[in-house]
Amino acid sequence: MSTAEASTDVPHHNRYLRITQHQRQCQGKKSDDLGCKGVDSREPVRQNYRVNMLLELQAKKLLLDASLLHLQTAIDEMMDLRPIREASTELLDLQETLQRDVRRLRDDLEGYRDIDPRQMEKKKEEAALMKAKAEIWTTNIELLEGWLKKVLGMDPYQLECMRREYYKAEYVEGEGLKGL
């Protein structure tokens, strides 16, 4: 690492090098030469270096104090929000409990639906409608069978075989289609 690189990493490094170079120049010289005060001239240079370091450290301390104050303020704000977070957690727990209760009550209501008078009436109407439709189709089938018997001249035995083949499980021997 060169001296130029070191100076960018550590700001006081160049000052220290300059002070050291100045001390080397002043060693063994009289105060008139190079503006030095003789051998004792190193002490003021060291004193300046210490003062500069002290000033830098004080500046860093001020920055750290400001950061600490900022962090402490943020912590205090978070502590102020803790009751709100706790309350919201309690509300979320209550909401979950209430939703479970609603699901349970809906399931209970579904179980009682069969004995609800309005539901019973609705089911009776649906059953009557389905029965009427089934009777219409049964009549249509019987009319079609009669037409086939008349047009094709089928005897009852052939008609019986055709019914067994087409109606399968829905056919009762001797009666025709199963009743409703």
C-alpha atoms as a PDB file:
ATOM      1  CA  MET A   1       0.000   0.000   0.000  1.00  0.00           C
ATOM      2  CA  SER A   2       1.481   3.334  -1.013  1.00  0.00           C
ATOM      3  CA  THR A   3       1.585   6.461   1.107  1.00  0.00           C
ATOM      4  CA  ALA A   4      -1.137   8.053  -1.046  1.00  0.00           C
ATOM      5  CA  GLU A   5      -3.477   5.090  -0.426  1.00  0.00           C
ATOM      6  CA  ALA A   6      -2.756   5.140   3.286  1.00  0.00           C
ATOM      7  CA  SER A   7      -3.575   8.818   3.451  1.00  0.00           C
ATOM      8  CA  THR A   8      -7.079   8.237   2.043  1.00  0.00           C
ATOM      9  CA  ASP A   9      -7.787   5.498   4.581  1.00  0.00           C
ATOM     10  CA  VAL A  10      -6.475   7.333   7.634  1.00  0.00           C
ATOM     11  CA  PRO A  11      -6.914  11.129   7.541  1.00  0.00           C
ATOM     12  CA  HIS A  12      -4.328  11.925  10.217  1.00  0.00           C
ATOM     13  CA  HIS A  13      -1.614   9.787   8.557  1.00  0.00           C
ATOM     14  CA  ASN A  14      -0.314  12.583   6.286  1.00  0.00           C
ATOM     15  CA  ARG A  15      -0.096  15.003   9.177  1.00  0.00           C
ATOM     16  CA  TYR A  16       1.931  12.499  11.130  1.00  0.00           C
ATOM     17  CA  LEU A  17       4.280  12.001   8.167  1.00  0.00           C
ATOM     18  CA  ARG A  18       4.697  15.748   7.772  1.00  0.00           C
ATOM     19  CA  ILE A  19       5.425  16.145  11.465  1.00  0.00           C
ATOM     20  CA  THR A  20       7.950  13.304  11.336  1.00  0.00           C
ATOM     21  CA  GLN A  21       9.669  14.815   8.280  1.00  0.00           C
ATOM     22  CA  HIS A  22       9.788  18.198   9.974  1.00  0.00           C
ATOM     23  CA  GLN A  23      11.342  16.643  13.075  1.00  0.00           C
ATOM     24  CA  ARG A  24      14.022  14.922  10.952  1.00  0.00           C
ATOM     25  CA  GLN A  25      14.850  18.192   9.261  1.00  0.00           C
ATOM     26  CA  CYS A  26      15.097  19.991  12.586  1.00  0.00           C
ATOM     27  CA  GLN A  27      17.351  17.428  14.273  1.00  0.00           C
ATOM     28  CA  GLY A  28      20.845  18.764  14.783  1.00  0.00           C
ATOM     29  CA  LYS A  29      20.000  22.133  13.186  1.00  0.00           C
ATOM     30  CA  LYS A  30      19.944  25.486  14.789  1.00  0.00           C
ATOM     31  CA  SER A  31      16.748  27.423  15.163  1.00  0.00           C
ATOM     32  CA  ASP A  32      17.779  29.846  12.440  1.00  0.00           C
ATOM     33  CA  ASP A  33      18.019  27.074   9.857  1.00  0.00           C
ATOM     34  CA  LEU A  34      14.727  25.977   8.333  1.00  0.00           C
ATOM     35  CA  GLY A  35      12.759  27.944  10.901  1.00  0.00           C
ATOM     36  CA  CYS A  36      13.372  25.327  13.621  1.00  0.00           C
ATOM     37  CA  LYS A  37      13.901  26.007  17.280  1.00  0.00           C
ATOM     38  CA  GLY A  38      16.656  23.469  17.703  1.00  0.00           C
ATOM     39  CA  VAL A  39      16.394  20.043  19.332  1.00  0.00           C
ATOM     40  CA  ASP A  40      13.569  21.132  21.633  1.00  0.00           C
ATOM     41  CA  SER A  41      11.419  21.978  18.618  1.00  0.00           C
ATOM     42  CA  ARG A  42       9.946  18.435  18.577  1.00  0.00           C
ATOM     43  CA  GLU A  43       7.836  19.083  21.639  1.00  0.00           C
ATOM     44  CA  PRO A  44       5.541  21.719  20.057  1.00  0.00           C
ATOM     45  CA  VAL A  45       5.091  19.485  17.016  1.00  0.00           C
ATOM     46  CA  ARG A  46       4.072  16.582  19.224  1.00  0.00           C
ATOM     47  CA  GLN A  47       1.845  18.952  21.155  1.00  0.00           C
ATOM     48  CA  ASN A  48       0.109  20.011  17.891  1.00  0.00           C
ATOM     49  CA  TYR A  49      -0.310  16.387  16.873  1.00  0.00           C
ATOM     50  CA  ARG A  50      -1.902  15.554  20.231  1.00  0.00           C
ATOM     51  CA  VAL A  51      -4.173  18.574  20.034  1.00  0.00           C
ATOM     52  CA  ASN A  52      -5.261  17.602  16.525  1.00  0.00           C
ATOM     53  CA  MET A  53      -5.919  14.021  17.601  1.00  0.00           C
ATOM     54  CA  LEU A  54      -7.874  15.280  20.613  1.00  0.00           C
ATOM     55  CA  LEU A  55      -9.991  17.518  18.364  1.00  0.00           C
ATOM     56  CA  GLU A  56     -10.655  14.629  15.958  1.00  0.00           C
ATOM     57  CA  LEU A  57     -11.645  12.338  18.802  1.00  0.00           C
ATOM     58  CA  GLN A  58     -13.945  14.987  20.260  1.00  0.00           C
ATOM     59  CA  ALA A  59     -15.601  15.411  16.841  1.00  0.00           C
ATOM     60  CA  LYS A  60     -16.088  11.637  16.573  1.00  0.00           C
ATOM     61  CA  LYS A  61     -17.518  11.605  20.093  1.00  0.00           C
ATOM     62  CA  LEU A  62     -20.019  14.294  19.104  1.00  0.00           C
ATOM     63  CA  LEU A  63     -21.071  12.209  16.075  1.00  0.00           C
ATOM     64  CA  LEU A  64     -21.459   9.117  18.234  1.00  0.00           C
ATOM     65  CA  ASP A  65     -23.480  11.089  20.803  1.00  0.00           C
ATOM     66  CA  ALA A  66     -25.783  12.335  18.029  1.00  0.00           C
ATOM     67  CA  SER A  67     -26.199   8.765  16.714  1.00  0.00           C
ATOM     68  CA  LEU A  68     -26.886   7.507  20.221  1.00  0.00           C
ATOM     69  CA  LEU A  69     -29.497  10.218  20.737  1.00  0.00           C
ATOM     70  CA  HIS A  70     -31.140   9.327  17.414  1.00  0.00           C
ATOM     71  CA  LEU A  71     -31.229   5.630  18.309  1.00  0.00           C
ATOM     72  CA  GLN A  72     -32.569   6.363  21.795  1.00  0.00           C
ATOM     73  CA  THR A  73     -35.341   8.485  20.258  1.00  0.00           C
ATOM     74  CA  ALA A  74     -36.221   5.656  17.857  1.00  0.00           C
ATOM     75  CA  ILE A  75     -36.307   3.164  20.746  1.00  0.00           C
ATOM     76  CA  ASP A  76     -38.545   5.485  22.763  1.00  0.00           C
ATOM     77  CA  GLU A  77     -40.916   5.811  19.801  1.00  0.00           C
ATOM     78  CA  MET A  78     -41.040   2.035  19.422  1.00  0.00           C
ATOM     79  CA  MET A  79     -41.739   1.673  23.139  1.00  0.00           C
ATOM     80  CA  ASP A  80     -44.588   4.150  22.739  1.00  0.00           C
ATOM     81  CA  LEU A  81     -46.014   1.931  19.963  1.00  0.00           C
ATOM     82  CA  ARG A  82     -45.801  -1.260  22.040  1.00  0.00           C
ATOM     83  CA  PRO A  83     -49.261  -0.819  23.652  1.00  0.00           C
ATOM     84  CA  ILE A  84     -50.756  -0.250  20.196  1.00  0.00           C
ATOM     85  CA  ARG A  85     -49.089  -3.432  18.893  1.00  0.00           C
ATOM     86  CA  GLU A  86     -50.274  -5.384  21.915  1.00  0.00           C
ATOM     87  CA  ALA A  87     -53.807  -4.060  21.458  1.00  0.00           C
ATOM     88  CA  SER A  88     -53.775  -4.933  17.754  1.00  0.00           C
ATOM     89  CA  THR A  89     -52.543  -8.437  18.608  1.00  0.00           C
ATOM     90  CA  GLU A  90     -55.389  -8.816  21.076  1.00  0.00           C
ATOM     91  CA  LEU A  91     -57.863  -7.598  18.446  1.00  0.00           C
ATOM     92  CA  LEU A  92     -56.501 -10.077  15.885  1.00  0.00           C
ATOM     93  CA  ASP A  93     -56.872 -12.896  18.410  1.00  0.00           C
ATOM     94  CA  LEU A  94     -60.434 -11.785  19.128  1.00  0.00           C
ATOM     95  CA  GLN A  95     -61.207 -11.638  15.389  1.00  0.00           C
ATOM     96  CA  GLU A  96     -59.900 -15.182  14.914  1.00  0.00           C
ATOM     97  CA  THR A  97     -61.996 -16.430  17.833  1.00  0.00           C
ATOM     98  CA  LEU A  98     -65.108 -14.734  16.473  1.00  0.00           C
ATOM     99  CA  GLN A  99     -64.533 -16.165  12.999  1.00  0.00           C
ATOM    100  CA  ARG A 100     -64.290 -19.672  14.494  1.00  0.00           C
ATOM    101  CA  ASP A 101     -67.557 -19.061  16.361  1.00  0.00           C
ATOM    102  CA  VAL A 102     -69.262 -17.869  13.153  1.00  0.00           C
ATOM    103  CA  ARG A 103     -68.106 -21.005  11.286  1.00  0.00           C
ATOM    104  CA  ARG A 104     -69.379 -23.215  14.117  1.00  0.00           C
ATOM    105  CA  LEU A 105     -72.742 -21.412  14.167  1.00  0.00           C
ATOM    106  CA  ARG A 106     -73.072 -21.740  10.383  1.00  0.00           C
ATOM    107  CA  ASP A 107     -72.441 -25.464  10.678  1.00  0.00           C
ATOM    108  CA  ASP A 108     -75.093 -25.684  13.415  1.00  0.00           C
ATOM    109  CA  LEU A 109     -77.537 -23.725  11.263  1.00  0.00           C
ATOM    110  CA  GLU A 110     -76.866 -26.071   8.349  1.00  0.00           C
ATOM    111  CA  GLY A 111     -77.800 -28.989  10.614  1.00  0.00           C
ATOM    112  CA  TYR A 112     -81.129 -27.355  11.560  1.00  0.00           C
ATOM    113  CA  ARG A 113     -81.974 -26.470   7.983  1.00  0.00           C
ATOM    114  CA  ASP A 114     -83.849 -29.774   7.521  1.00  0.00           C
ATOM    115  CA  ILE A 115     -86.419 -28.878  10.190  1.00  0.00           C
ATOM    116  CA  ASP A 116     -86.803 -25.236   9.213  1.00  0.00           C
ATOM    117  CA  PRO A 117     -90.449 -24.765   8.068  1.00  0.00           C
ATOM    118  CA  ARG A 118     -89.443 -22.500   5.177  1.00  0.00           C
ATOM    119  CA  GLN A 119     -86.870 -25.005   3.975  1.00  0.00           C
ATOM    120  CA  MET A 120     -89.353 -27.870   4.331  1.00  0.00           C
ATOM    121  CA  GLU A 121     -91.904 -25.998   2.224  1.00  0.00           C
ATOM    122  CA  LYS A 122     -89.264 -25.258  -0.411  1.00  0.00           C
ATOM    123  CA  LYS A 123     -88.260 -28.948  -0.559  1.00  0.00           C
ATOM    124  CA  LYS A 124     -91.897 -30.009  -0.908  1.00  0.00           C
ATOM    125  CA  GLU A 125     -92.338 -27.625  -3.836  1.00  0.00           C
ATOM    126  CA  GLU A 126     -89.165 -28.927  -5.510  1.00  0.00           C
ATOM    127  CA  ALA A 127     -90.296 -32.561  -5.023  1.00  0.00           C
ATOM    128  CA  ALA A 128     -93.734 -31.817  -6.499  1.00  0.00           C
ATOM    129  CA  LEU A 129     -92.127 -30.134  -9.509  1.00  0.00           C
ATOM    130  CA  MET A 130     -89.787 -33.083 -10.092  1.00  0.00           C
ATOM    131  CA  LYS A 131     -92.657 -35.552  -9.778  1.00  0.00           C
ATOM    132  CA  ALA A 132     -94.719 -33.609 -12.352  1.00  0.00           C
ATOM    133  CA  LYS A 133     -91.791 -33.613 -14.785  1.00  0.00           C
ATOM    134  CA  ALA A 134     -91.233 -37.352 -14.272  1.00  0.00           C
ATOM    135  CA  GLU A 135     -94.916 -38.075 -14.937  1.00  0.00           C
ATOM    136  CA  ILE A 136     -94.783 -36.028 -18.148  1.00  0.00           C
ATOM    137  CA  TRP A 137     -91.769 -38.017 -19.386  1.00  0.00           C
ATOM    138  CA  THR A 138     -93.335 -41.305 -18.364  1.00  0.00           C
ATOM    139  CA  THR A 139     -96.448 -40.415 -20.329  1.00  0.00           C
ATOM    140  CA  ASN A 140     -94.271 -39.448 -23.314  1.00  0.00           C
ATOM    141  CA  ILE A 141     -92.485 -42.807 -23.152  1.00  0.00           C
ATOM    142  CA  GLU A 142     -95.782 -44.709 -22.973  1.00  0.00           C
ATOM    143  CA  LEU A 143     -97.125 -42.750 -25.952  1.00  0.00           C
ATOM    144  CA  LEU A 144     -93.959 -43.486 -27.917  1.00  0.00           C
ATOM    145  CA  GLU A 145     -94.227 -47.197 -27.102  1.00  0.00           C
ATOM    146  CA  GLY A 146     -97.837 -47.202 -28.263  1.00  0.00           C
ATOM    147  CA  TRP A 147     -96.898 -45.472 -31.485  1.00  0.00           C
ATOM    148  CA  LEU A 148     -94.057 -47.965 -32.124  1.00  0.00           C
ATOM    149  CA  LYS A 149     -96.441 -50.873 -31.490  1.00  0.00           C
ATOM    150  CA  LYS A 150     -99.009 -49.414 -33.893  1.00  0.00           C
ATOM    151  CA  VAL A 151     -96.655 -48.265 -36.680  1.00  0.00           C
ATOM    152  CA  LEU A 152     -94.230 -51.191 -36.597  1.00  0.00           C
ATOM    153  CA  GLY A 153     -96.836 -53.765 -35.726  1.00  0.00           C
ATOM    154  CA  MET A 154     -94.853 -55.186 -32.826  1.00  0.00           C
ATOM    155  CA  ASP A 155     -96.333 -57.954 -30.754  1.00  0.00           C
ATOM    156  CA  PRO A 156     -96.301 -57.648 -26.920  1.00  0.00           C
ATOM    157  CA  TYR A 157     -93.347 -60.058 -26.585  1.00  0.00           C
ATOM    158  CA  GLN A 158     -91.106 -57.978 -28.890  1.00  0.00           C
ATOM    159  CA  LEU A 159     -92.123 -54.819 -27.055  1.00  0.00           C
ATOM    160  CA  GLU A 160     -91.272 -56.503 -23.735  1.00  0.00           C
ATOM    161  CA  CYS A 161     -87.768 -57.465 -25.055  1.00  0.00           C
ATOM    162  CA  MET A 162     -87.174 -53.918 -26.267  1.00  0.00           C
ATOM    163  CA  ARG A 163     -88.162 -52.497 -22.856  1.00  0.00           C
ATOM    164  CA  ARG A 164     -85.766 -54.849 -21.027  1.00  0.00           C
ATOM    165  CA  GLU A 165     -82.931 -53.870 -23.356  1.00  0.00           C
ATOM    166  CA  TYR A 166     -83.420 -50.107 -23.109  1.00  0.00           C
ATOM    167  CA  TYR A 167     -84.675 -49.597 -19.534  1.00  0.00           C
ATOM    168  CA  LYS A 168     -82.378 -52.192 -17.858  1.00  0.00           C
ATOM    169  CA  ALA A 169     -82.623 -51.653 -14.056  1.00  0.00           C
ATOM    170  CA  GLU A 170     -85.581 -49.326 -14.382  1.00  0.00           C
ATOM    171  CA  TYR A 171     -87.745 -52.076 -15.906  1.00  0.00           C
ATOM    172  CA  VAL A 172     -89.971 -54.384 -13.814  1.00  0.00           C
ATOM    173  CA  GLU A 173     -91.164 -57.638 -15.491  1.00  0.00           C
ATOM    174  CA  GLY A 174     -94.789 -57.457 -16.394  1.00  0.00           C
ATOM    175  CA  GLU A 175     -95.267 -53.898 -15.076  1.00  0.00           C
ATOM    176  CA  GLY A 176     -93.010 -51.804 -17.267  1.00  0.00           C
ATOM    177  CA  LEU A 177     -91.069 -48.888 -15.794  1.00  0.00           C
ATOM    178  CA  LYS A 178     -90.598 -48.652 -12.043  1.00  0.00           C
ATOM    179  CA  GLY A 179     -93.102 -46.402 -10.361  1.00  0.00           C
ATOM    180  CA  LEU A 180     -92.258 -43.102  -8.845  1.00  0.00           C
END
